[in-house]
Protein backbone atom coordinates (compact mmCIF):
# COMPACT_ATOMS: atom_id res chain seq x y z
CA MET A 1 0.00 0.00 0.00
CA SER A 2 1.38 3.39 -0.93
CA THR A 3 1.67 6.28 1.49
CA PHE A 4 -1.02 8.92 1.74
CA LYS A 5 1.38 11.50 0.30
CA GLU A 6 2.02 9.28 -2.73
CA LEU A 7 -1.70 8.70 -3.16
CA ILE A 8 -2.75 12.36 -3.15
CA GLY A 9 0.23 13.36 -5.24
CA THR A 10 -0.99 11.41 -8.25
CA ASP A 11 -4.64 11.77 -9.13
CA LYS A 12 -6.63 14.36 -7.17
CA LYS A 13 -9.91 12.80 -8.36
CA GLN A 14 -9.00 9.39 -6.98
CA GLN A 15 -10.88 8.55 -3.79
CA CYS A 16 -8.94 7.98 -0.63
CA PRO A 17 -9.03 4.24 0.19
CA LYS A 18 -11.30 3.33 3.08
CA GLY A 19 -8.39 1.64 4.85
CA TYR A 20 -6.53 4.96 5.04
CA ILE A 21 -9.51 6.67 6.63
CA LEU A 22 -10.02 3.82 9.11
CA ALA A 23 -6.32 3.85 10.06
CA LEU A 24 -6.45 7.61 10.58
CA MET A 25 -9.57 7.30 12.75
CA ASP A 26 -7.94 4.53 14.81
CA THR A 27 -4.91 6.75 15.38
CA LEU A 28 -7.04 9.70 16.41
CA ASN A 29 -9.08 7.53 18.79
CA VAL A 30 -5.89 6.42 20.55
CA ILE A 31 -4.14 9.83 20.81
CA ASN A 32 -7.23 12.03 20.96
CA GLY A 33 -7.56 14.63 23.68
CA LYS A 34 -5.68 17.51 25.17
CA TRP A 35 -3.23 15.51 27.26
CA LYS A 36 -2.21 12.28 25.51
CA LEU A 37 0.37 13.75 23.14
CA PRO A 38 2.08 15.82 25.87
CA ILE A 39 2.21 12.68 28.04
CA LEU A 40 3.71 10.63 25.22
CA ALA A 41 6.21 13.38 24.41
CA SER A 42 7.24 13.57 28.08
CA LEU A 43 7.71 9.82 28.22
CA LEU A 44 9.84 10.02 25.07
CA ARG A 45 12.06 12.51 26.94
CA GLY A 46 12.56 9.99 29.73
CA GLU A 47 10.27 11.31 32.46
CA ASN A 48 8.73 8.16 33.79
CA ARG A 49 7.39 8.74 37.28
CA PHE A 50 3.93 10.11 37.92
CA LYS A 51 5.32 13.15 39.75
CA ASP A 52 7.79 13.86 36.92
CA LEU A 53 4.95 13.85 34.40
CA LEU A 54 2.78 16.01 36.64
CA ASP A 55 5.58 18.57 37.01
CA ARG A 56 6.44 18.58 33.29
CA ILE A 57 2.92 18.93 31.88
CA GLU A 58 1.47 22.29 32.88
CA LYS A 59 -2.12 22.50 34.11
CA ILE A 60 -2.83 18.75 34.11
CA THR A 61 -4.46 17.53 37.32
CA PRO A 62 -3.36 14.32 39.06
CA ARG A 63 -6.78 12.81 38.37
CA MET A 64 -6.58 13.60 34.64
CA LEU A 65 -3.00 12.34 34.37
CA SER A 66 -4.02 9.08 36.02
CA LYS A 67 -7.01 8.69 33.68
CA GLU A 68 -4.98 9.41 30.55
CA LEU A 69 -2.17 7.05 31.58
CA LYS A 70 -4.72 4.27 32.12
CA GLU A 71 -6.16 4.85 28.65
CA LEU A 72 -2.70 4.87 27.07
CA GLU A 73 -1.95 1.64 28.92
CA LEU A 74 -5.19 0.05 27.68
CA ASN A 75 -4.21 1.01 24.13
CA SER A 76 -0.76 -0.59 24.60
CA LEU A 77 1.21 2.64 24.20
CA VAL A 78 2.35 2.83 27.83
CA GLU A 79 3.46 0.18 30.27
CA ARG A 80 3.06 0.64 34.03
CA LYS A 81 5.59 -0.98 36.35
CA VAL A 82 5.05 -1.17 40.11
CA HIS A 83 8.23 -1.67 42.15
CA ASN A 84 7.95 -3.54 45.43
CA THR A 85 9.49 -0.79 47.54
CA THR A 86 8.45 1.41 50.43
CA PRO A 87 7.05 3.78 49.48
CA VAL A 88 5.73 2.08 46.37
CA LEU A 89 7.45 3.32 43.22
CA ILE A 90 5.42 3.34 40.02
CA GLU A 91 7.11 4.01 36.70
CA TYR A 92 5.69 4.40 33.23
CA LYS A 93 7.45 3.71 29.97
CA LEU A 94 6.55 3.58 26.33
CA THR A 95 5.91 0.24 24.72
CA ALA A 96 7.33 -0.51 21.27
CA SER A 97 4.06 0.77 19.83
CA GLY A 98 4.35 3.93 21.91
CA LYS A 99 7.90 4.51 20.66
CA ASP A 100 6.69 4.09 17.08
CA ILE A 101 4.70 7.31 17.43
CA THR A 102 7.91 9.36 17.80
CA ASN A 103 7.96 10.35 14.13
CA VAL A 104 4.33 11.41 14.28
CA ILE A 105 4.97 13.63 17.30
CA ASP A 106 8.11 15.10 15.69
CA ALA A 107 6.16 15.89 12.51
CA MET A 108 3.34 17.49 14.51
CA ILE A 109 5.79 19.62 16.50
CA GLY A 110 7.51 20.75 13.31
CA TRP A 111 4.22 21.59 11.65
CA GLY A 112 2.99 23.39 14.76
CA MET A 113 6.11 25.55 15.00
CA THR A 114 5.91 26.49 11.32
CA HIS A 115 2.18 27.16 11.50
CA ARG A 116 2.55 29.28 14.65
CA LYS A 117 5.17 31.46 12.94
CA GLN A 118 2.96 31.89 9.89
CA VAL A 119 -0.06 32.88 11.97
CA ILE A 120 1.90 35.26 14.21
CA THR A 121 3.61 37.02 11.29
CA LYS A 122 0.42 37.17 9.20
CA ASP A 123 -0.51 40.83 9.25
């Protein structure tokens, strides 16, 4: 199957294959929301304790962070490890699938920085 860029670069009248749309919807369902991408980006940087994530991601509440981490874990992007210590130490890390999203996040950051500059200088 060709990439989306290859597909739209050829024949503009050609319909987008249903599989592409379904894959895009699946991706959006997994990373949808205000907090999931910042959490994934923070985990990519190596922050792996709950408190580290809470400190890094501005304005997220502990309750919301917990909820989002559980959803990311259910979708196999994040793995939760509980260490048998006192006090209990809980660490989060990206799964192989979670690491695969690195290029997507990098592309989104690049696009966002370019777009922000264009919007700010548009006058």
